[in-house]
């Protein structure tokens, strides 16, 4: 399952009051695991950036005046997004800006049905809050020390980690070996994955084996160790000869 974790930075709060998108960052997830594929662009907003917005993200118009306009990166963005679900914190805010930009350049708008809003997920899971991205990083012990200012790509990377925690999918990585068996491997290659190339050296000393044989001999013929064939006993740290000796001792006692 392919998902895109997305974040934006803007010149203000309302795209229909003249504010524009200035940065977009996307992180690709496949089966809730980052693939390393990202999309990151700064965009010339064709307007000034208010001081209050600058204090949030630290992006000035001077930094953006030589960047492409949104319509110049729109097709590249849409191709990267494809038909994947969009994982966004406070999703309607970002969707509003993206759709306003798409509308300006006559591109198809994003359907809100694609959204996975992590803010709503967080409010359901932690109704007492707080549920800002920084708060969730602190709650889940995710290192956000690089986040001295808001930044679309960094925030998307952090949100990808938060999202996995929110939905309880952190243990998904434990199935990688199982999934790996579905790759195009020959039976011999699959078998080789399960064979230790160098057997472990025995952990039991001969004195310990002798002590175990003596102990098993006191348990009588019903001792569970007598149910192990010599080969299985050897795998458990007892040689086949030791298992036979223990069986003989039990027979003698019986």
C-alpha atoms as a PDB file:
ATOM      1  CA  UNK A   1       0.000   0.000   0.000  1.00  0.00           C
ATOM      2  CA  UNK A   2       1.474   3.328  -1.116  1.00  0.00           C
ATOM      3  CA  UNK A   3       0.914   6.470   0.953  1.00  0.00           C
ATOM      4  CA  UNK A   4       2.371   9.968   0.750  1.00  0.00           C
ATOM      5  CA  UNK A   5       3.060  11.982   3.892  1.00  0.00           C
ATOM      6  CA  UNK A   6       2.756  15.636   2.902  1.00  0.00           C
ATOM      7  CA  UNK A   7       3.346  19.052   4.423  1.00  0.00           C
ATOM      8  CA  UNK A   8       3.349  22.619   3.120  1.00  0.00           C
ATOM      9  CA  UNK A   9       4.519  26.066   4.145  1.00  0.00           C
ATOM     10  CA  UNK A  10       2.581  29.151   3.071  1.00  0.00           C
ATOM     11  CA  UNK A  11       2.538  32.941   3.245  1.00  0.00           C
ATOM     12  CA  UNK A  12      -0.513  32.924   5.528  1.00  0.00           C
ATOM     13  CA  UNK A  13      -3.639  31.114   6.642  1.00  0.00           C
ATOM     14  CA  UNK A  14      -6.197  31.533   3.849  1.00  0.00           C
ATOM     15  CA  UNK A  15      -5.556  30.750   0.176  1.00  0.00           C
ATOM     16  CA  UNK A  16      -8.655  32.705  -0.813  1.00  0.00           C
ATOM     17  CA  UNK A  17      -7.375  35.865   0.851  1.00  0.00           C
ATOM     18  CA  UNK A  18      -4.375  36.076  -1.456  1.00  0.00           C
ATOM     19  CA  UNK A  19      -2.007  33.809   0.450  1.00  0.00           C
ATOM     20  CA  UNK A  20       0.100  31.324  -1.480  1.00  0.00           C
ATOM     21  CA  UNK A  21       1.971  28.078  -1.091  1.00  0.00           C
ATOM     22  CA  UNK A  22       5.765  28.499  -0.861  1.00  0.00           C
ATOM     23  CA  UNK A  23       7.087  25.030   0.000  1.00  0.00           C
ATOM     24  CA  UNK A  24       5.872  21.475  -0.346  1.00  0.00           C
ATOM     25  CA  UNK A  25       7.505  18.327   1.034  1.00  0.00           C
ATOM     26  CA  UNK A  26       6.390  14.738   0.479  1.00  0.00           C
ATOM     27  CA  UNK A  27       7.661  11.418   1.835  1.00  0.00           C
ATOM     28  CA  UNK A  28       6.662   8.124   0.211  1.00  0.00           C
ATOM     29  CA  UNK A  29       5.609   5.195   2.399  1.00  0.00           C
ATOM     30  CA  UNK A  30       5.063   1.665   1.199  1.00  0.00           C
ATOM     31  CA  UNK A  31       3.325  -0.616   3.689  1.00  0.00           C
ATOM     32  CA  UNK A  32       3.918   2.162   6.270  1.00  0.00           C
ATOM     33  CA  UNK A  33       7.699   2.069   5.738  1.00  0.00           C
ATOM     34  CA  UNK A  34       9.598   5.023   4.177  1.00  0.00           C
ATOM     35  CA  UNK A  35      11.043   4.090   0.788  1.00  0.00           C
ATOM     36  CA  UNK A  36      13.541   6.950   0.637  1.00  0.00           C
ATOM     37  CA  UNK A  37      11.639   8.588  -2.240  1.00  0.00           C
ATOM     38  CA  UNK A  38      10.750  12.223  -1.539  1.00  0.00           C
ATOM     39  CA  UNK A  39       9.419  15.256  -3.368  1.00  0.00           C
ATOM     40  CA  UNK A  40      10.559  18.687  -2.182  1.00  0.00           C
ATOM     41  CA  UNK A  41      10.139  22.049  -3.909  1.00  0.00           C
ATOM     42  CA  UNK A  42      10.248  25.703  -2.962  1.00  0.00           C
ATOM     43  CA  UNK A  43       7.818  27.829  -4.963  1.00  0.00           C
ATOM     44  CA  UNK A  44       7.842  31.523  -5.870  1.00  0.00           C
ATOM     45  CA  UNK A  45       4.567  32.875  -4.393  1.00  0.00           C
ATOM     46  CA  UNK A  46       4.606  36.022  -6.544  1.00  0.00           C
ATOM     47  CA  UNK A  47       3.930  38.138  -3.458  1.00  0.00           C
ATOM     48  CA  UNK A  48       5.568  39.274  -0.232  1.00  0.00           C
ATOM     49  CA  UNK A  49       5.792  37.094   2.888  1.00  0.00           C
ATOM     50  CA  UNK A  50       4.313  38.666   6.037  1.00  0.00           C
ATOM     51  CA  UNK A  51       6.552  38.940   9.090  1.00  0.00           C
ATOM     52  CA  UNK A  52       4.342  36.648  11.180  1.00  0.00           C
ATOM     53  CA  UNK A  53       4.655  33.866   8.574  1.00  0.00           C
ATOM     54  CA  UNK A  54       8.429  34.425   8.303  1.00  0.00           C
ATOM     55  CA  UNK A  55       8.773  33.943  12.060  1.00  0.00           C
ATOM     56  CA  UNK A  56       7.153  30.501  11.714  1.00  0.00           C
ATOM     57  CA  UNK A  57       9.160  29.040   8.828  1.00  0.00           C
ATOM     58  CA  UNK A  58      12.060  31.444   8.287  1.00  0.00           C
ATOM     59  CA  UNK A  59      11.510  31.596   4.520  1.00  0.00           C
ATOM     60  CA  UNK A  60      11.821  35.051   2.961  1.00  0.00           C
ATOM     61  CA  UNK A  61      10.802  36.243  -0.480  1.00  0.00           C
ATOM     62  CA  UNK A  62      14.482  36.793  -1.321  1.00  0.00           C
ATOM     63  CA  UNK A  63      14.983  33.049  -0.870  1.00  0.00           C
ATOM     64  CA  UNK A  64      12.123  32.307  -3.294  1.00  0.00           C
ATOM     65  CA  UNK A  65      12.386  34.929  -6.026  1.00  0.00           C
ATOM     66  CA  UNK A  66      14.450  32.642  -8.289  1.00  0.00           C
ATOM     67  CA  UNK A  67      12.359  29.518  -7.542  1.00  0.00           C
ATOM     68  CA  UNK A  68       9.844  28.088 -10.044  1.00  0.00           C
ATOM     69  CA  UNK A  69       6.209  29.129 -10.045  1.00  0.00           C
ATOM     70  CA  UNK A  70       3.710  26.520  -8.890  1.00  0.00           C
ATOM     71  CA  UNK A  71       2.416  25.786 -12.381  1.00  0.00           C
ATOM     72  CA  UNK A  72       5.969  24.844 -13.368  1.00  0.00           C
ATOM     73  CA  UNK A  73       6.132  22.048 -10.775  1.00  0.00           C
ATOM     74  CA  UNK A  74       2.446  21.058 -10.718  1.00  0.00           C
ATOM     75  CA  UNK A  75       2.714  18.139 -13.137  1.00  0.00           C
ATOM     76  CA  UNK A  76       5.791  16.792 -11.375  1.00  0.00           C
ATOM     77  CA  UNK A  77       3.952  16.973  -8.060  1.00  0.00           C
ATOM     78  CA  UNK A  78       0.847  15.246  -9.414  1.00  0.00           C
ATOM     79  CA  UNK A  79       2.969  12.482 -10.936  1.00  0.00           C
ATOM     80  CA  UNK A  80       4.726  11.877  -7.613  1.00  0.00           C
ATOM     81  CA  UNK A  81       1.458  11.808  -5.676  1.00  0.00           C
ATOM     82  CA  UNK A  82      -0.246   9.464  -8.139  1.00  0.00           C
ATOM     83  CA  UNK A  83      -3.379   7.991  -6.582  1.00  0.00           C
ATOM     84  CA  UNK A  84      -1.834   7.392  -3.160  1.00  0.00           C
ATOM     85  CA  UNK A  85      -3.550   8.330   0.092  1.00  0.00           C
ATOM     86  CA  UNK A  86      -2.288  11.639   1.493  1.00  0.00           C
ATOM     87  CA  UNK A  87      -1.230  11.619   5.142  1.00  0.00           C
ATOM     88  CA  UNK A  88      -1.348  15.210   6.436  1.00  0.00           C
ATOM     89  CA  UNK A  89      -1.502  16.878   9.860  1.00  0.00           C
ATOM     90  CA  UNK A  90      -4.525  19.213   9.870  1.00  0.00           C
ATOM     91  CA  UNK A  91      -5.183  18.019   6.350  1.00  0.00           C
ATOM     92  CA  UNK A  92      -7.832  20.477   5.219  1.00  0.00           C
ATOM     93  CA  UNK A  93      -5.430  23.401   5.668  1.00  0.00           C
ATOM     94  CA  UNK A  94      -2.826  21.941   3.291  1.00  0.00           C
ATOM     95  CA  UNK A  95      -5.432  20.597   0.893  1.00  0.00           C
ATOM     96  CA  UNK A  96      -6.998  24.053   0.653  1.00  0.00           C
ATOM     97  CA  UNK A  97      -3.703  25.596  -0.440  1.00  0.00           C
ATOM     98  CA  UNK A  98      -2.812  22.797  -2.849  1.00  0.00           C
ATOM     99  CA  UNK A  99      -6.233  22.877  -4.500  1.00  0.00           C
ATOM    100  CA  UNK A 100      -6.157  26.661  -4.763  1.00  0.00           C
ATOM    101  CA  UNK A 101      -2.821  26.416  -6.593  1.00  0.00           C
ATOM    102  CA  UNK A 102      -4.068  23.591  -8.823  1.00  0.00           C
ATOM    103  CA  UNK A 103      -7.168  25.587  -9.638  1.00  0.00           C
ATOM    104  CA  UNK A 104      -5.063  28.594 -10.689  1.00  0.00           C
ATOM    105  CA  UNK A 105      -3.167  26.502 -13.216  1.00  0.00           C
ATOM    106  CA  UNK A 106      -6.170  24.485 -14.434  1.00  0.00           C
ATOM    107  CA  UNK A 107      -5.065  21.129 -13.027  1.00  0.00           C
ATOM    108  CA  UNK A 108      -7.395  18.514 -11.483  1.00  0.00           C
ATOM    109  CA  UNK A 109      -8.102  19.115  -7.811  1.00  0.00           C
ATOM    110  CA  UNK A 110      -7.293  16.691  -4.992  1.00  0.00           C
ATOM    111  CA  UNK A 111     -10.220  14.718  -3.598  1.00  0.00           C
ATOM    112  CA  UNK A 112     -10.607  15.047   0.155  1.00  0.00           C
ATOM    113  CA  UNK A 113     -11.511  11.340   0.261  1.00  0.00           C
ATOM    114  CA  UNK A 114      -7.787  10.651  -0.217  1.00  0.00           C
ATOM    115  CA  UNK A 115      -6.897  12.342   3.056  1.00  0.00           C
ATOM    116  CA  UNK A 116      -5.669  10.688   6.228  1.00  0.00           C
ATOM    117  CA  UNK A 117      -5.677  13.480   8.814  1.00  0.00           C
ATOM    118  CA  UNK A 118      -3.197  12.664  11.576  1.00  0.00           C
ATOM    119  CA  UNK A 119      -4.557  15.495  13.701  1.00  0.00           C
ATOM    120  CA  UNK A 120      -7.944  13.755  13.822  1.00  0.00           C
ATOM    121  CA  UNK A 121      -6.225  10.420  14.527  1.00  0.00           C
ATOM    122  CA  UNK A 122      -4.284  12.012  17.370  1.00  0.00           C
ATOM    123  CA  UNK A 123      -7.402  13.629  18.867  1.00  0.00           C
ATOM    124  CA  UNK A 124      -9.169  10.283  18.903  1.00  0.00           C
ATOM    125  CA  UNK A 125      -6.211   8.463  20.444  1.00  0.00           C
ATOM    126  CA  UNK A 126      -5.181  11.240  22.835  1.00  0.00           C
ATOM    127  CA  UNK A 127      -8.358  13.268  23.489  1.00  0.00           C
ATOM    128  CA  UNK A 128      -6.701  15.223  26.295  1.00  0.00           C
ATOM    129  CA  UNK A 129      -4.000  16.435  23.890  1.00  0.00           C
ATOM    130  CA  UNK A 130      -1.945  18.388  23.144  1.00  0.00           C
ATOM    131  CA  UNK A 131      -1.621  17.114  19.583  1.00  0.00           C
ATOM    132  CA  UNK A 132       0.642  19.478  17.704  1.00  0.00           C
ATOM    133  CA  UNK A 133       3.426  17.786  15.735  1.00  0.00           C
ATOM    134  CA  UNK A 134       6.031  18.804  18.334  1.00  0.00           C
ATOM    135  CA  UNK A 135       3.838  17.424  21.115  1.00  0.00           C
ATOM    136  CA  UNK A 136       3.370  14.100  19.341  1.00  0.00           C
ATOM    137  CA  UNK A 137       7.105  13.806  18.666  1.00  0.00           C
ATOM    138  CA  UNK A 138       7.690  14.320  22.392  1.00  0.00           C
ATOM    139  CA  UNK A 139       4.991  11.794  23.303  1.00  0.00           C
ATOM    140  CA  UNK A 140       6.476   9.120  21.026  1.00  0.00           C
ATOM    141  CA  UNK A 141      10.120  10.007  21.754  1.00  0.00           C
ATOM    142  CA  UNK A 142      10.829  11.009  18.168  1.00  0.00           C
ATOM    143  CA  UNK A 143      13.867  13.278  17.858  1.00  0.00           C
ATOM    144  CA  UNK A 144      12.634  16.626  16.571  1.00  0.00           C
ATOM    145  CA  UNK A 145      15.664  18.652  17.684  1.00  0.00           C
ATOM    146  CA  UNK A 146      16.346  19.699  14.062  1.00  0.00           C
ATOM    147  CA  UNK A 147      12.955  21.419  13.953  1.00  0.00           C
ATOM    148  CA  UNK A 148      13.967  24.896  15.050  1.00  0.00           C
ATOM    149  CA  UNK A 149      11.641  26.292  12.336  1.00  0.00           C
ATOM    150  CA  UNK A 150       8.799  24.745  10.386  1.00  0.00           C
ATOM    151  CA  UNK A 151       9.956  23.141   7.142  1.00  0.00           C
ATOM    152  CA  UNK A 152       7.803  21.107   4.771  1.00  0.00           C
ATOM    153  CA  UNK A 153      10.158  18.190   4.109  1.00  0.00           C
ATOM    154  CA  UNK A 154      11.442  17.875   7.682  1.00  0.00           C
ATOM    155  CA  UNK A 155       7.903  18.081   9.027  1.00  0.00           C
ATOM    156  CA  UNK A 156       6.767  15.402   6.568  1.00  0.00           C
ATOM    157  CA  UNK A 157       9.613  13.137   7.697  1.00  0.00           C
ATOM    158  CA  UNK A 158       8.696  13.617  11.351  1.00  0.00           C
ATOM    159  CA  UNK A 159       5.008  13.147  10.603  1.00  0.00           C
ATOM    160  CA  UNK A 160       5.767   9.850   8.859  1.00  0.00           C
ATOM    161  CA  UNK A 161       7.218   8.564  12.142  1.00  0.00           C
ATOM    162  CA  UNK A 162       4.331   9.954  14.176  1.00  0.00           C
ATOM    163  CA  UNK A 163       1.792   8.406  11.798  1.00  0.00           C
ATOM    164  CA  UNK A 164       3.255   4.932  12.217  1.00  0.00           C
ATOM    165  CA  UNK A 165       3.021   5.329  15.997  1.00  0.00           C
ATOM    166  CA  UNK A 166      -0.537   6.649  15.867  1.00  0.00           C
ATOM    167  CA  UNK A 167      -1.822   3.653  13.934  1.00  0.00           C
ATOM    168  CA  UNK A 168       0.242   1.136  15.903  1.00  0.00           C
ATOM    169  CA  UNK A 169       2.210  -0.057  12.876  1.00  0.00           C
ATOM    170  CA  UNK A 170       5.702   0.351  14.357  1.00  0.00           C
ATOM    171  CA  UNK A 171       6.131  -3.446  14.445  1.00  0.00           C
ATOM    172  CA  UNK A 172       5.528  -3.732  10.689  1.00  0.00           C
ATOM    173  CA  UNK A 173       9.268  -3.986  10.141  1.00  0.00           C
ATOM    174  CA  UNK A 174       9.236  -7.345  11.932  1.00  0.00           C
ATOM    175  CA  UNK A 175       7.579  -8.978   8.893  1.00  0.00           C
ATOM    176  CA  UNK A 176      10.307  -7.990   6.454  1.00  0.00           C
ATOM    177  CA  UNK A 177      11.969 -11.406   6.556  1.00  0.00           C
ATOM    178  CA  UNK A 178       8.653 -13.116   5.997  1.00  0.00           C
ATOM    179  CA  UNK A 179       7.854 -10.810   3.106  1.00  0.00           C
ATOM    180  CA  UNK A 180      11.328 -11.381   1.729  1.00  0.00           C
ATOM    181  CA  UNK A 181      10.500 -15.048   1.195  1.00  0.00           C
ATOM    182  CA  UNK A 182       7.993 -13.984  -1.434  1.00  0.00           C
ATOM    183  CA  UNK A 183      10.765 -12.595  -3.610  1.00  0.00           C
ATOM    184  CA  UNK A 184      11.932 -14.511  -6.660  1.00  0.00           C
ATOM    185  CA  UNK A 185      14.311 -16.892  -4.892  1.00  0.00           C
ATOM    186  CA  UNK A 186      14.989 -20.522  -5.704  1.00  0.00           C
ATOM    187  CA  UNK A 187      14.124 -23.168  -3.079  1.00  0.00           C
ATOM    188  CA  UNK A 188      17.868 -23.601  -2.475  1.00  0.00           C
ATOM    189  CA  UNK A 189      18.291 -19.872  -1.829  1.00  0.00           C
ATOM    190  CA  UNK A 190      15.338 -19.846   0.569  1.00  0.00           C
ATOM    191  CA  UNK A 191      16.752 -22.857   2.424  1.00  0.00           C
ATOM    192  CA  UNK A 192      20.143 -21.168   2.654  1.00  0.00           C
ATOM    193  CA  UNK A 193      18.564 -18.233   4.465  1.00  0.00           C
ATOM    194  CA  UNK A 194      17.563 -20.566   7.289  1.00  0.00           C
ATOM    195  CA  UNK A 195      20.883 -22.383   7.700  1.00  0.00           C
ATOM    196  CA  UNK A 196      23.517 -20.940  10.024  1.00  0.00           C
ATOM    197  CA  UNK A 197      26.756 -20.904   7.975  1.00  0.00           C
ATOM    198  CA  UNK A 198      28.913 -21.707  11.032  1.00  0.00           C
ATOM    199  CA  UNK A 199      27.276 -23.876  13.713  1.00  0.00           C
ATOM    200  CA  UNK A 200      27.394 -22.482  17.216  1.00  0.00           C
ATOM    201  CA  UNK A 201      29.902 -24.141  19.524  1.00  0.00           C
ATOM    202  CA  UNK A 202      28.373 -26.293  22.311  1.00  0.00           C
ATOM    203  CA  UNK A 203      27.492 -24.325  25.417  1.00  0.00           C
ATOM    204  CA  UNK A 204      27.374 -27.296  27.782  1.00  0.00           C
ATOM    205  CA  UNK A 205      30.470 -28.826  29.320  1.00  0.00           C
ATOM    206  CA  UNK A 206      30.857 -32.569  29.752  1.00  0.00           C
ATOM    207  CA  UNK A 207      30.437 -32.093  33.510  1.00  0.00           C
ATOM    208  CA  UNK A 208      27.092 -30.397  32.938  1.00  0.00           C
ATOM    209  CA  UNK A 209      25.969 -33.195  30.624  1.00  0.00           C
ATOM    210  CA  UNK A 210      26.961 -35.797  33.215  1.00  0.00           C
ATOM    211  CA  UNK A 211      25.064 -33.914  35.904  1.00  0.00           C
ATOM    212  CA  UNK A 212      21.997 -33.804  33.669  1.00  0.00           C
ATOM    213  CA  UNK A 213      22.196 -37.550  32.966  1.00  0.00           C
ATOM    214  CA  UNK A 214      22.409 -38.207  36.680  1.00  0.00           C
ATOM    215  CA  UNK A 215      19.425 -35.968  37.362  1.00  0.00           C
ATOM    216  CA  UNK A 216      17.285 -37.529  34.622  1.00  0.00           C
ATOM    217  CA  UNK A 217      18.085 -40.926  36.081  1.00  0.00           C
ATOM    218  CA  UNK A 218      16.290 -39.937  39.289  1.00  0.00           C
ATOM    219  CA  UNK A 219      13.046 -39.084  37.476  1.00  0.00           C
ATOM    220  CA  UNK A 220      12.006 -42.572  36.529  1.00  0.00           C
ATOM    221  CA  UNK A 221      10.748 -43.950  33.240  1.00  0.00           C
ATOM    222  CA  UNK A 222       8.106 -41.227  32.917  1.00  0.00           C
ATOM    223  CA  UNK A 223      10.667 -38.427  32.608  1.00  0.00           C
ATOM    224  CA  UNK A 224       9.924 -36.268  29.584  1.00  0.00           C
ATOM    225  CA  UNK A 225      13.566 -36.364  28.561  1.00  0.00           C
ATOM    226  CA  UNK A 226      13.097 -40.049  27.728  1.00  0.00           C
ATOM    227  CA  UNK A 227      10.699 -39.026  24.950  1.00  0.00           C
ATOM    228  CA  UNK A 228      13.475 -37.286  23.036  1.00  0.00           C
ATOM    229  CA  UNK A 229      15.235 -39.390  20.412  1.00  0.00           C
ATOM    230  CA  UNK A 230      19.042 -39.205  20.499  1.00  0.00           C
ATOM    231  CA  UNK A 231      19.195 -36.680  17.609  1.00  0.00           C
ATOM    232  CA  UNK A 232      16.751 -34.300  19.259  1.00  0.00           C
ATOM    233  CA  UNK A 233      18.521 -34.654  22.577  1.00  0.00           C
ATOM    234  CA  UNK A 234      21.778 -33.716  20.896  1.00  0.00           C
ATOM    235  CA  UNK A 235      20.198 -30.529  19.549  1.00  0.00           C
ATOM    236  CA  UNK A 236      19.250 -29.596  23.093  1.00  0.00           C
ATOM    237  CA  UNK A 237      22.827 -29.825  24.239  1.00  0.00           C
ATOM    238  CA  UNK A 238      22.762 -33.533  25.175  1.00  0.00           C
ATOM    239  CA  UNK A 239      24.596 -35.976  22.967  1.00  0.00           C
ATOM    240  CA  UNK A 240      22.833 -39.019  21.570  1.00  0.00           C
ATOM    241  CA  UNK A 241      25.042 -41.216  23.726  1.00  0.00           C
ATOM    242  CA  UNK A 242      24.002 -39.254  26.802  1.00  0.00           C
ATOM    243  CA  UNK A 243      20.332 -39.769  25.983  1.00  0.00           C
ATOM    244  CA  UNK A 244      20.906 -43.504  25.545  1.00  0.00           C
ATOM    245  CA  UNK A 245      22.778 -43.722  28.841  1.00  0.00           C
ATOM    246  CA  UNK A 246      19.989 -41.920  30.643  1.00  0.00           C
ATOM    247  CA  UNK A 247      17.426 -44.310  29.143  1.00  0.00           C
ATOM    248  CA  UNK A 248      19.454 -47.321  30.276  1.00  0.00           C
ATOM    249  CA  UNK A 249      19.720 -45.902  33.790  1.00  0.00           C
ATOM    250  CA  UNK A 250      15.953 -45.504  33.950  1.00  0.00           C
ATOM    251  CA  UNK A 251      15.415 -49.057  32.717  1.00  0.00           C
ATOM    252  CA  UNK A 252      17.775 -50.383  35.396  1.00  0.00           C
ATOM    253  CA  UNK A 253      15.911 -48.459  38.110  1.00  0.00           C
ATOM    254  CA  UNK A 254      12.548 -49.696  36.836  1.00  0.00           C
END
